[in-house]
Amino acid sequence: MIETPPGRRSGPPSPAAEHPDPARSDPAAEHPDPAQPDSAVPCPCGSGDTYGACCGRFHSGAPAPTAEALMRSRYSANALLSADPARFGAYLHQTWAPETRPELAELTTPGPRWRRLAILSTTTGGPFDSTGAVEFVAAYEEAEQSQDPGSRPLRGRLQELSRFRRESGRWLYIDGQLSDDPAGL
């Protein structure tokens, strides 16, 4: 004789379990917000993880565990800024140290199209550190100012040594020093 585990009903499943009531289903699951990035796509930061498993969780409120994770999530927020300027601009604002951060309005205007990120080095900034630095190169494209329909986007690289500190369990971006001669990607 086969015993039914405690708490489980024996016999066939109820018709309600086989055919859930469509009125009780989650409308957000059926009609995702088109302005929100798909959590199953690759993360813009280039980690190799999906957006939901990588920067998406930080954009949803989880604290970044390291300075590098915060830097990657800020890069992703910039890369996704045109999809939802209010959400990602607010994230950039919240993760910027108060003494150096610009006004929120300055962070909600999409800039260039960020194409690729490479981490060059990380100094401290781990889970048990209070400060850290991350050097990176980011490749971008921006539309040429020309009205010529056949013009190609301008491409460039930004190299920065970013400084971070952890305050009340959360990493904050302090500032960065730009390189005059960005390394290649």
N, C-alpha and C. Protein backbone atom coordinates (compact mmCIF):
# COMPACT_ATOMS: atom_id res chain seq x y z
N MET A 1 0.83 -1.17 0.00
CA MET A 1 0.00 0.00 0.00
C MET A 1 0.88 1.24 0.00
N ILE A 2 0.51 2.25 -0.81
CA ILE A 2 1.24 3.50 -0.89
C ILE A 2 0.60 4.49 0.05
N GLU A 3 1.42 5.07 0.91
CA GLU A 3 0.90 6.04 1.87
C GLU A 3 0.97 7.45 1.29
N THR A 4 -0.02 8.25 1.61
CA THR A 4 -0.04 9.65 1.21
C THR A 4 0.72 10.45 2.25
N PRO A 5 1.71 11.28 1.81
CA PRO A 5 2.44 12.10 2.78
C PRO A 5 1.49 12.99 3.57
N PRO A 6 1.82 13.29 4.85
CA PRO A 6 0.95 14.15 5.67
C PRO A 6 0.70 15.48 4.95
N GLY A 7 -0.51 15.98 5.04
CA GLY A 7 -0.85 17.26 4.44
C GLY A 7 -1.23 17.18 2.98
N ARG A 8 -1.08 16.01 2.36
CA ARG A 8 -1.45 15.85 0.96
C ARG A 8 -2.71 15.04 0.86
N ARG A 9 -3.51 15.39 -0.10
CA ARG A 9 -4.77 14.71 -0.34
C ARG A 9 -4.51 13.56 -1.30
N SER A 10 -5.10 12.41 -1.03
CA SER A 10 -4.94 11.31 -1.97
C SER A 10 -6.00 11.44 -3.05
N GLY A 11 -5.77 10.74 -4.13
CA GLY A 11 -6.74 10.77 -5.23
C GLY A 11 -6.33 11.75 -6.30
N PRO A 12 -7.14 11.86 -7.32
CA PRO A 12 -6.79 12.73 -8.44
C PRO A 12 -6.84 14.20 -8.02
N PRO A 13 -6.08 15.04 -8.73
CA PRO A 13 -6.12 16.48 -8.41
C PRO A 13 -7.50 17.05 -8.70
N SER A 14 -7.83 18.09 -7.97
CA SER A 14 -9.13 18.72 -8.16
C SER A 14 -9.17 19.43 -9.51
N PRO A 15 -10.36 19.62 -10.08
CA PRO A 15 -10.46 20.34 -11.35
C PRO A 15 -9.87 21.74 -11.24
N ALA A 16 -9.97 22.39 -10.10
CA ALA A 16 -9.42 23.74 -9.94
C ALA A 16 -7.91 23.72 -10.06
N ALA A 17 -7.25 22.64 -9.59
CA ALA A 17 -5.80 22.56 -9.70
C ALA A 17 -5.38 22.32 -11.14
N GLU A 18 -6.18 21.55 -11.89
CA GLU A 18 -5.86 21.28 -13.28
C GLU A 18 -6.13 22.49 -14.17
N HIS A 19 -7.15 23.26 -13.87
CA HIS A 19 -7.56 24.40 -14.68
C HIS A 19 -7.74 25.61 -13.78
N PRO A 20 -6.65 26.32 -13.49
CA PRO A 20 -6.79 27.46 -12.59
C PRO A 20 -7.71 28.53 -13.17
N ASP A 21 -8.37 29.24 -12.29
CA ASP A 21 -9.29 30.31 -12.68
C ASP A 21 -8.49 31.45 -13.30
N PRO A 22 -8.71 31.80 -14.58
CA PRO A 22 -7.95 32.88 -15.21
C PRO A 22 -8.15 34.22 -14.51
N ALA A 23 -9.28 34.41 -13.86
CA ALA A 23 -9.51 35.67 -13.15
C ALA A 23 -8.61 35.80 -11.93
N ARG A 24 -8.08 34.66 -11.43
CA ARG A 24 -7.23 34.69 -10.24
C ARG A 24 -5.75 34.66 -10.60
N SER A 25 -5.42 34.57 -11.89
CA SER A 25 -4.00 34.52 -12.27
C SER A 25 -3.37 35.91 -12.14
N ASP A 26 -2.06 35.94 -12.12
CA ASP A 26 -1.31 37.18 -11.94
C ASP A 26 -1.25 37.94 -13.27
N PRO A 27 -1.90 39.10 -13.39
CA PRO A 27 -1.88 39.83 -14.65
C PRO A 27 -0.48 40.33 -15.00
N ALA A 28 0.37 40.60 -14.01
CA ALA A 28 1.72 41.07 -14.30
C ALA A 28 2.53 40.00 -15.01
N ALA A 29 2.28 38.73 -14.67
CA ALA A 29 3.01 37.64 -15.32
C ALA A 29 2.56 37.49 -16.77
N GLU A 30 1.28 37.73 -17.05
CA GLU A 30 0.77 37.59 -18.40
C GLU A 30 1.10 38.80 -19.27
N HIS A 31 1.16 39.98 -18.68
CA HIS A 31 1.40 41.22 -19.41
C HIS A 31 2.51 42.01 -18.74
N PRO A 32 3.78 41.60 -18.97
CA PRO A 32 4.86 42.31 -18.30
C PRO A 32 4.95 43.75 -18.78
N ASP A 33 5.47 44.60 -17.93
CA ASP A 33 5.65 46.01 -18.25
C ASP A 33 6.71 46.13 -19.34
N PRO A 34 6.37 46.66 -20.53
CA PRO A 34 7.34 46.74 -21.61
C PRO A 34 8.50 47.68 -21.31
N ALA A 35 8.36 48.57 -20.34
CA ALA A 35 9.45 49.47 -19.99
C ALA A 35 10.49 48.79 -19.10
N GLN A 36 10.14 47.64 -18.52
CA GLN A 36 11.07 46.95 -17.64
C GLN A 36 11.87 45.93 -18.44
N PRO A 37 13.18 45.82 -18.15
CA PRO A 37 13.99 44.83 -18.86
C PRO A 37 13.55 43.41 -18.53
N ASP A 38 13.68 42.53 -19.48
CA ASP A 38 13.35 41.12 -19.31
C ASP A 38 14.40 40.50 -18.40
N SER A 39 13.97 39.89 -17.29
CA SER A 39 14.93 39.34 -16.33
C SER A 39 15.67 38.13 -16.87
N ALA A 40 15.22 37.55 -17.99
CA ALA A 40 15.87 36.36 -18.55
C ALA A 40 16.92 36.69 -19.61
N VAL A 41 17.04 37.94 -20.02
CA VAL A 41 18.04 38.31 -21.04
C VAL A 41 19.40 38.48 -20.38
N PRO A 42 20.47 38.41 -21.16
CA PRO A 42 21.80 38.63 -20.58
C PRO A 42 21.91 40.03 -19.96
N CYS A 43 22.59 40.11 -18.83
CA CYS A 43 22.75 41.38 -18.15
C CYS A 43 23.64 42.31 -18.98
N PRO A 44 23.29 43.60 -19.07
CA PRO A 44 24.11 44.54 -19.84
C PRO A 44 25.54 44.67 -19.33
N CYS A 45 25.79 44.33 -18.06
CA CYS A 45 27.13 44.50 -17.50
C CYS A 45 28.14 43.49 -18.04
N GLY A 46 27.66 42.46 -18.75
CA GLY A 46 28.57 41.49 -19.35
C GLY A 46 29.06 40.41 -18.42
N SER A 47 28.42 40.23 -17.28
CA SER A 47 28.86 39.21 -16.32
C SER A 47 28.66 37.79 -16.83
N GLY A 48 27.74 37.61 -17.78
CA GLY A 48 27.38 36.28 -18.25
C GLY A 48 26.12 35.75 -17.61
N ASP A 49 25.66 36.40 -16.53
CA ASP A 49 24.41 36.01 -15.88
C ASP A 49 23.24 36.71 -16.55
N THR A 50 22.04 36.27 -16.21
CA THR A 50 20.85 36.96 -16.71
C THR A 50 20.69 38.27 -15.93
N TYR A 51 19.93 39.18 -16.50
CA TYR A 51 19.68 40.46 -15.83
C TYR A 51 19.03 40.23 -14.46
N GLY A 52 18.08 39.32 -14.38
CA GLY A 52 17.39 39.06 -13.11
C GLY A 52 18.31 38.50 -12.04
N ALA A 53 19.28 37.68 -12.42
CA ALA A 53 20.21 37.07 -11.46
C ALA A 53 21.39 37.99 -11.16
N CYS A 54 21.54 39.04 -11.94
CA CYS A 54 22.70 39.92 -11.78
C CYS A 54 22.24 41.30 -11.32
N CYS A 55 22.33 42.29 -12.17
CA CYS A 55 22.05 43.68 -11.79
C CYS A 55 20.58 43.95 -11.51
N GLY A 56 19.68 43.18 -12.07
CA GLY A 56 18.25 43.39 -11.84
C GLY A 56 17.87 43.33 -10.38
N ARG A 57 18.50 42.45 -9.62
CA ARG A 57 18.17 42.34 -8.19
C ARG A 57 18.61 43.58 -7.42
N PHE A 58 19.71 44.22 -7.85
CA PHE A 58 20.16 45.45 -7.19
C PHE A 58 19.26 46.61 -7.59
N HIS A 59 18.83 46.63 -8.85
CA HIS A 59 17.91 47.66 -9.30
C HIS A 59 16.56 47.53 -8.60
N SER A 60 16.26 46.35 -8.07
CA SER A 60 15.00 46.13 -7.35
C SER A 60 15.15 46.34 -5.84
N GLY A 61 16.33 46.74 -5.38
CA GLY A 61 16.49 47.10 -3.98
C GLY A 61 17.47 46.29 -3.16
N ALA A 62 17.93 45.15 -3.65
CA ALA A 62 18.92 44.37 -2.89
C ALA A 62 20.24 45.14 -2.86
N PRO A 63 20.95 45.12 -1.74
CA PRO A 63 22.24 45.83 -1.70
C PRO A 63 23.31 45.06 -2.47
N ALA A 64 24.14 45.77 -3.21
CA ALA A 64 25.26 45.15 -3.91
C ALA A 64 26.28 44.68 -2.87
N PRO A 65 26.78 43.45 -2.97
CA PRO A 65 27.68 42.93 -1.94
C PRO A 65 29.11 43.45 -2.03
N THR A 66 29.51 43.96 -3.21
CA THR A 66 30.87 44.44 -3.41
C THR A 66 30.84 45.75 -4.20
N ALA A 67 31.97 46.45 -4.17
CA ALA A 67 32.09 47.67 -4.96
C ALA A 67 31.97 47.35 -6.45
N GLU A 68 32.56 46.24 -6.88
CA GLU A 68 32.46 45.87 -8.30
C GLU A 68 31.01 45.58 -8.69
N ALA A 69 30.27 44.91 -7.84
CA ALA A 69 28.86 44.64 -8.15
C ALA A 69 28.08 45.93 -8.27
N LEU A 70 28.37 46.91 -7.39
CA LEU A 70 27.69 48.20 -7.50
C LEU A 70 28.08 48.89 -8.80
N MET A 71 29.37 48.85 -9.14
CA MET A 71 29.82 49.50 -10.38
C MET A 71 29.13 48.87 -11.58
N ARG A 72 29.06 47.55 -11.62
CA ARG A 72 28.39 46.87 -12.74
C ARG A 72 26.92 47.26 -12.80
N SER A 73 26.27 47.34 -11.63
CA SER A 73 24.84 47.68 -11.62
C SER A 73 24.61 49.13 -12.05
N ARG A 74 25.55 50.01 -11.75
CA ARG A 74 25.43 51.40 -12.20
C ARG A 74 25.66 51.48 -13.71
N TYR A 75 26.60 50.70 -14.22
CA TYR A 75 26.78 50.64 -15.68
C TYR A 75 25.48 50.16 -16.34
N SER A 76 24.89 49.08 -15.80
CA SER A 76 23.64 48.56 -16.37
C SER A 76 22.52 49.58 -16.29
N ALA A 77 22.46 50.33 -15.19
CA ALA A 77 21.43 51.37 -15.07
C ALA A 77 21.61 52.42 -16.15
N ASN A 78 22.84 52.80 -16.44
CA ASN A 78 23.10 53.75 -17.53
C ASN A 78 22.73 53.14 -18.87
N ALA A 79 23.05 51.86 -19.06
CA ALA A 79 22.73 51.18 -20.33
C ALA A 79 21.22 51.07 -20.54
N LEU A 80 20.47 50.97 -19.45
CA LEU A 80 19.00 50.80 -19.53
C LEU A 80 18.24 52.11 -19.32
N LEU A 81 18.94 53.21 -19.16
CA LEU A 81 18.32 54.48 -18.80
C LEU A 81 17.22 54.91 -19.78
N SER A 82 17.42 54.68 -21.06
CA SER A 82 16.40 55.11 -22.03
C SER A 82 15.11 54.30 -21.90
N ALA A 83 15.19 53.07 -21.35
CA ALA A 83 13.99 52.24 -21.18
C ALA A 83 13.08 52.79 -20.08
N ASP A 84 13.67 53.35 -19.02
CA ASP A 84 12.89 53.87 -17.90
C ASP A 84 13.74 54.91 -17.16
N PRO A 85 13.81 56.14 -17.70
CA PRO A 85 14.67 57.17 -17.11
C PRO A 85 14.40 57.45 -15.64
N ALA A 86 13.14 57.43 -15.21
CA ALA A 86 12.83 57.73 -13.81
C ALA A 86 13.39 56.64 -12.89
N ARG A 87 13.15 55.38 -13.24
CA ARG A 87 13.61 54.27 -12.39
C ARG A 87 15.13 54.20 -12.32
N PHE A 88 15.78 54.18 -13.48
CA PHE A 88 17.22 53.99 -13.48
C PHE A 88 17.97 55.26 -13.07
N GLY A 89 17.41 56.43 -13.35
CA GLY A 89 17.99 57.67 -12.85
C GLY A 89 17.94 57.72 -11.33
N ALA A 90 16.82 57.27 -10.76
CA ALA A 90 16.69 57.24 -9.30
C ALA A 90 17.69 56.26 -8.69
N TYR A 91 17.93 55.13 -9.36
CA TYR A 91 18.91 54.16 -8.86
C TYR A 91 20.31 54.79 -8.85
N LEU A 92 20.67 55.46 -9.93
CA LEU A 92 21.98 56.12 -9.98
C LEU A 92 22.10 57.15 -8.86
N HIS A 93 21.05 57.91 -8.63
CA HIS A 93 21.03 58.94 -7.59
C HIS A 93 21.18 58.31 -6.20
N GLN A 94 20.45 57.24 -5.93
CA GLN A 94 20.47 56.59 -4.62
C GLN A 94 21.81 55.93 -4.31
N THR A 95 22.53 55.52 -5.34
CA THR A 95 23.80 54.81 -5.12
C THR A 95 25.01 55.73 -5.26
N TRP A 96 24.78 57.03 -5.29
CA TRP A 96 25.84 58.03 -5.41
C TRP A 96 26.00 58.70 -4.05
N ALA A 97 27.23 58.85 -3.57
CA ALA A 97 27.47 59.49 -2.27
C ALA A 97 26.90 60.90 -2.28
N PRO A 98 26.17 61.29 -1.22
CA PRO A 98 25.48 62.59 -1.20
C PRO A 98 26.38 63.79 -1.44
N GLU A 99 27.62 63.75 -0.97
CA GLU A 99 28.49 64.93 -1.10
C GLU A 99 29.00 65.17 -2.52
N THR A 100 28.87 64.19 -3.40
CA THR A 100 29.35 64.37 -4.78
C THR A 100 28.27 64.17 -5.85
N ARG A 101 27.09 63.71 -5.47
CA ARG A 101 26.09 63.38 -6.49
C ARG A 101 25.43 64.63 -7.07
N PRO A 102 25.13 64.55 -8.36
CA PRO A 102 24.40 65.64 -9.01
C PRO A 102 22.91 65.58 -8.68
N GLU A 103 22.18 66.57 -9.14
CA GLU A 103 20.73 66.58 -8.97
C GLU A 103 20.12 65.42 -9.75
N LEU A 104 19.00 64.91 -9.24
CA LEU A 104 18.32 63.79 -9.88
C LEU A 104 18.00 64.09 -11.35
N ALA A 105 17.57 65.30 -11.65
CA ALA A 105 17.20 65.66 -13.04
C ALA A 105 18.36 65.43 -14.01
N GLU A 106 19.59 65.60 -13.54
CA GLU A 106 20.76 65.40 -14.40
C GLU A 106 21.00 63.93 -14.71
N LEU A 107 20.43 63.05 -13.93
CA LEU A 107 20.67 61.61 -14.09
C LEU A 107 19.57 60.89 -14.86
N THR A 108 18.52 61.59 -15.24
CA THR A 108 17.40 60.94 -15.92
C THR A 108 17.40 61.16 -17.43
N THR A 109 18.38 61.89 -17.94
CA THR A 109 18.48 62.13 -19.38
C THR A 109 19.38 61.07 -20.00
N PRO A 110 18.83 60.21 -20.86
CA PRO A 110 19.68 59.18 -21.48
C PRO A 110 20.81 59.81 -22.27
N GLY A 111 21.96 59.19 -22.19
CA GLY A 111 23.14 59.65 -22.90
C GLY A 111 23.47 58.71 -24.05
N PRO A 112 24.73 58.37 -24.18
CA PRO A 112 25.12 57.47 -25.28
C PRO A 112 24.58 56.06 -25.05
N ARG A 113 24.67 55.25 -26.06
CA ARG A 113 24.26 53.84 -25.97
C ARG A 113 25.49 53.05 -25.52
N TRP A 114 25.42 52.52 -24.32
CA TRP A 114 26.54 51.77 -23.76
C TRP A 114 26.55 50.38 -24.35
N ARG A 115 27.70 49.97 -24.89
CA ARG A 115 27.80 48.73 -25.66
C ARG A 115 28.51 47.58 -24.94
N ARG A 116 29.54 47.90 -24.13
CA ARG A 116 30.35 46.82 -23.56
C ARG A 116 31.11 47.35 -22.35
N LEU A 117 31.34 46.49 -21.39
CA LEU A 117 32.06 46.84 -20.16
C LEU A 117 33.17 45.84 -19.93
N ALA A 118 34.33 46.34 -19.55
CA ALA A 118 35.46 45.47 -19.16
C ALA A 118 36.02 46.00 -17.84
N ILE A 119 36.14 45.12 -16.86
CA ILE A 119 36.73 45.47 -15.57
C ILE A 119 38.24 45.26 -15.71
N LEU A 120 39.02 46.31 -15.44
CA LEU A 120 40.47 46.22 -15.54
C LEU A 120 41.11 45.80 -14.22
N SER A 121 40.60 46.36 -13.12
CA SER A 121 41.15 46.00 -11.80
C SER A 121 40.17 46.37 -10.71
N THR A 122 40.32 45.69 -9.58
CA THR A 122 39.53 45.98 -8.39
C THR A 122 40.48 46.00 -7.20
N THR A 123 40.40 47.05 -6.40
CA THR A 123 41.22 47.17 -5.21
C THR A 123 40.29 47.23 -4.00
N THR A 124 40.44 46.29 -3.10
CA THR A 124 39.53 46.11 -1.97
C THR A 124 38.09 46.16 -2.48
N GLY A 125 37.16 46.68 -1.69
CA GLY A 125 35.77 46.73 -2.13
C GLY A 125 35.02 45.42 -1.97
N GLY A 126 35.56 44.50 -1.16
CA GLY A 126 34.91 43.22 -0.94
C GLY A 126 33.82 43.30 0.12
N PRO A 127 33.22 42.16 0.43
CA PRO A 127 32.11 42.14 1.39
C PRO A 127 32.47 42.61 2.79
N PHE A 128 33.76 42.57 3.16
CA PHE A 128 34.16 42.97 4.51
C PHE A 128 34.96 44.27 4.53
N ASP A 129 35.05 44.94 3.36
CA ASP A 129 35.78 46.21 3.27
C ASP A 129 34.84 47.39 3.44
N SER A 130 35.41 48.54 3.76
CA SER A 130 34.59 49.75 3.87
C SER A 130 34.85 50.71 2.72
N THR A 131 35.92 50.49 1.96
CA THR A 131 36.21 51.31 0.77
C THR A 131 36.67 50.38 -0.34
N GLY A 132 36.63 50.89 -1.55
CA GLY A 132 37.09 50.10 -2.69
C GLY A 132 37.26 50.97 -3.91
N ALA A 133 37.95 50.42 -4.90
CA ALA A 133 38.15 51.11 -6.17
C ALA A 133 38.02 50.08 -7.29
N VAL A 134 37.41 50.51 -8.38
CA VAL A 134 37.23 49.64 -9.54
C VAL A 134 37.63 50.45 -10.78
N GLU A 135 38.54 49.89 -11.56
CA GLU A 135 38.91 50.53 -12.82
C GLU A 135 38.26 49.75 -13.95
N PHE A 136 37.65 50.47 -14.86
CA PHE A 136 36.91 49.83 -15.95
C PHE A 136 37.04 50.64 -17.24
N VAL A 137 36.71 49.98 -18.34
CA VAL A 137 36.57 50.63 -19.64
C VAL A 137 35.18 50.28 -20.15
N ALA A 138 34.47 51.28 -20.63
CA ALA A 138 33.13 51.08 -21.20
C ALA A 138 33.11 51.64 -22.62
N ALA A 139 32.63 50.84 -23.55
CA ALA A 139 32.50 51.28 -24.94
C ALA A 139 31.09 51.81 -25.16
N TYR A 140 30.99 52.86 -25.97
CA TYR A 140 29.69 53.47 -26.22
C TYR A 140 29.58 53.93 -27.66
N GLU A 141 28.35 54.23 -28.05
CA GLU A 141 28.01 54.81 -29.36
C GLU A 141 27.08 55.97 -29.11
N GLU A 142 27.26 57.01 -29.87
CA GLU A 142 26.25 58.07 -29.84
C GLU A 142 26.00 58.53 -31.26
N ALA A 143 24.76 58.95 -31.49
CA ALA A 143 24.37 59.38 -32.83
C ALA A 143 25.18 60.62 -33.22
N GLU A 144 25.59 60.64 -34.44
CA GLU A 144 26.34 61.79 -34.96
C GLU A 144 25.40 62.98 -35.02
N GLN A 145 25.94 64.17 -34.85
CA GLN A 145 25.14 65.38 -34.87
C GLN A 145 24.63 65.70 -36.29
N SER A 146 25.20 65.07 -37.28
CA SER A 146 24.82 65.32 -38.67
C SER A 146 23.39 64.85 -38.93
N GLN A 147 22.71 65.52 -39.82
CA GLN A 147 21.37 65.12 -40.22
C GLN A 147 21.40 64.13 -41.38
N ASP A 148 22.59 63.75 -41.82
CA ASP A 148 22.76 62.81 -42.92
C ASP A 148 22.24 61.44 -42.51
N PRO A 149 21.21 60.92 -43.22
CA PRO A 149 20.62 59.64 -42.82
C PRO A 149 21.61 58.48 -42.92
N GLY A 150 22.65 58.60 -43.73
CA GLY A 150 23.62 57.52 -43.87
C GLY A 150 24.79 57.62 -42.90
N SER A 151 24.75 58.59 -41.99
CA SER A 151 25.88 58.76 -41.08
C SER A 151 25.91 57.63 -40.05
N ARG A 152 27.10 57.29 -39.63
CA ARG A 152 27.30 56.23 -38.64
C ARG A 152 27.42 56.84 -37.25
N PRO A 153 27.05 56.07 -36.24
CA PRO A 153 27.18 56.60 -34.88
C PRO A 153 28.65 56.79 -34.50
N LEU A 154 28.91 57.77 -33.68
CA LEU A 154 30.25 57.99 -33.16
C LEU A 154 30.51 56.97 -32.07
N ARG A 155 31.68 56.37 -32.07
CA ARG A 155 32.02 55.36 -31.07
C ARG A 155 33.16 55.87 -30.21
N GLY A 156 33.15 55.46 -28.97
CA GLY A 156 34.21 55.87 -28.07
C GLY A 156 34.36 54.91 -26.91
N ARG A 157 35.36 55.20 -26.09
CA ARG A 157 35.61 54.41 -24.88
C ARG A 157 35.82 55.38 -23.72
N LEU A 158 35.32 54.97 -22.59
CA LEU A 158 35.51 55.74 -21.37
C LEU A 158 36.24 54.82 -20.39
N GLN A 159 37.37 55.29 -19.87
CA GLN A 159 38.09 54.53 -18.85
C GLN A 159 38.08 55.36 -17.58
N GLU A 160 37.70 54.72 -16.47
CA GLU A 160 37.58 55.44 -15.20
C GLU A 160 38.07 54.56 -14.06
N LEU A 161 38.71 55.21 -13.10
CA LEU A 161 39.03 54.58 -11.82
C LEU A 161 38.01 55.14 -10.83
N SER A 162 37.04 54.32 -10.45
CA SER A 162 35.94 54.75 -9.58
C SER A 162 36.24 54.41 -8.13
N ARG A 163 35.87 55.32 -7.24
CA ARG A 163 36.04 55.10 -5.80
C ARG A 163 34.67 54.88 -5.16
N PHE A 164 34.65 53.96 -4.18
CA PHE A 164 33.41 53.58 -3.50
C PHE A 164 33.64 53.51 -1.99
N ARG A 165 32.56 53.63 -1.23
CA ARG A 165 32.60 53.38 0.20
C ARG A 165 31.30 52.68 0.60
N ARG A 166 31.40 51.92 1.69
CA ARG A 166 30.21 51.25 2.20
C ARG A 166 29.73 52.02 3.42
N GLU A 167 28.43 52.29 3.42
CA GLU A 167 27.80 53.05 4.50
C GLU A 167 26.49 52.37 4.85
N SER A 168 26.31 52.04 6.11
CA SER A 168 25.09 51.37 6.58
C SER A 168 24.78 50.12 5.75
N GLY A 169 25.82 49.35 5.40
CA GLY A 169 25.64 48.10 4.67
C GLY A 169 25.44 48.24 3.17
N ARG A 170 25.52 49.47 2.64
CA ARG A 170 25.32 49.68 1.20
C ARG A 170 26.53 50.40 0.61
N TRP A 171 26.94 49.92 -0.57
CA TRP A 171 28.03 50.57 -1.29
C TRP A 171 27.51 51.82 -1.98
N LEU A 172 28.34 52.87 -2.00
CA LEU A 172 28.03 54.12 -2.68
C LEU A 172 29.19 54.50 -3.60
N TYR A 173 28.86 55.02 -4.76
CA TYR A 173 29.85 55.57 -5.68
C TYR A 173 30.23 56.95 -5.16
N ILE A 174 31.54 57.23 -5.02
CA ILE A 174 31.99 58.54 -4.55
C ILE A 174 32.32 59.43 -5.74
N ASP A 175 33.29 58.99 -6.53
CA ASP A 175 33.71 59.76 -7.70
C ASP A 175 34.62 58.89 -8.55
N GLY A 176 35.06 59.46 -9.66
CA GLY A 176 35.94 58.71 -10.54
C GLY A 176 36.93 59.61 -11.24
N GLN A 177 38.06 59.01 -11.57
CA GLN A 177 39.09 59.73 -12.30
C GLN A 177 39.15 59.14 -13.70
N LEU A 178 38.89 59.99 -14.71
CA LEU A 178 38.90 59.54 -16.09
C LEU A 178 40.32 59.47 -16.62
N SER A 179 40.56 58.50 -17.49
CA SER A 179 41.86 58.35 -18.15
C SER A 179 41.83 59.13 -19.46
N ASP A 180 42.94 59.77 -19.78
CA ASP A 180 43.04 60.50 -21.06
C ASP A 180 43.27 59.56 -22.23
N ASP A 181 43.74 58.34 -21.94
CA ASP A 181 44.06 57.38 -22.99
C ASP A 181 43.43 56.03 -22.66
N PRO A 182 42.12 55.88 -22.97
CA PRO A 182 41.42 54.64 -22.60
C PRO A 182 42.04 53.40 -23.24
N ALA A 183 42.11 52.32 -22.46
CA ALA A 183 42.58 51.03 -22.96
C ALA A 183 41.54 50.46 -23.91
N GLY A 184 41.95 49.54 -24.75
CA GLY A 184 41.01 48.89 -25.68
C GLY A 184 40.16 47.85 -24.98
N LEU A 185 39.08 47.47 -25.64
CA LEU A 185 38.21 46.41 -25.11
C LEU A 185 38.44 45.14 -25.89
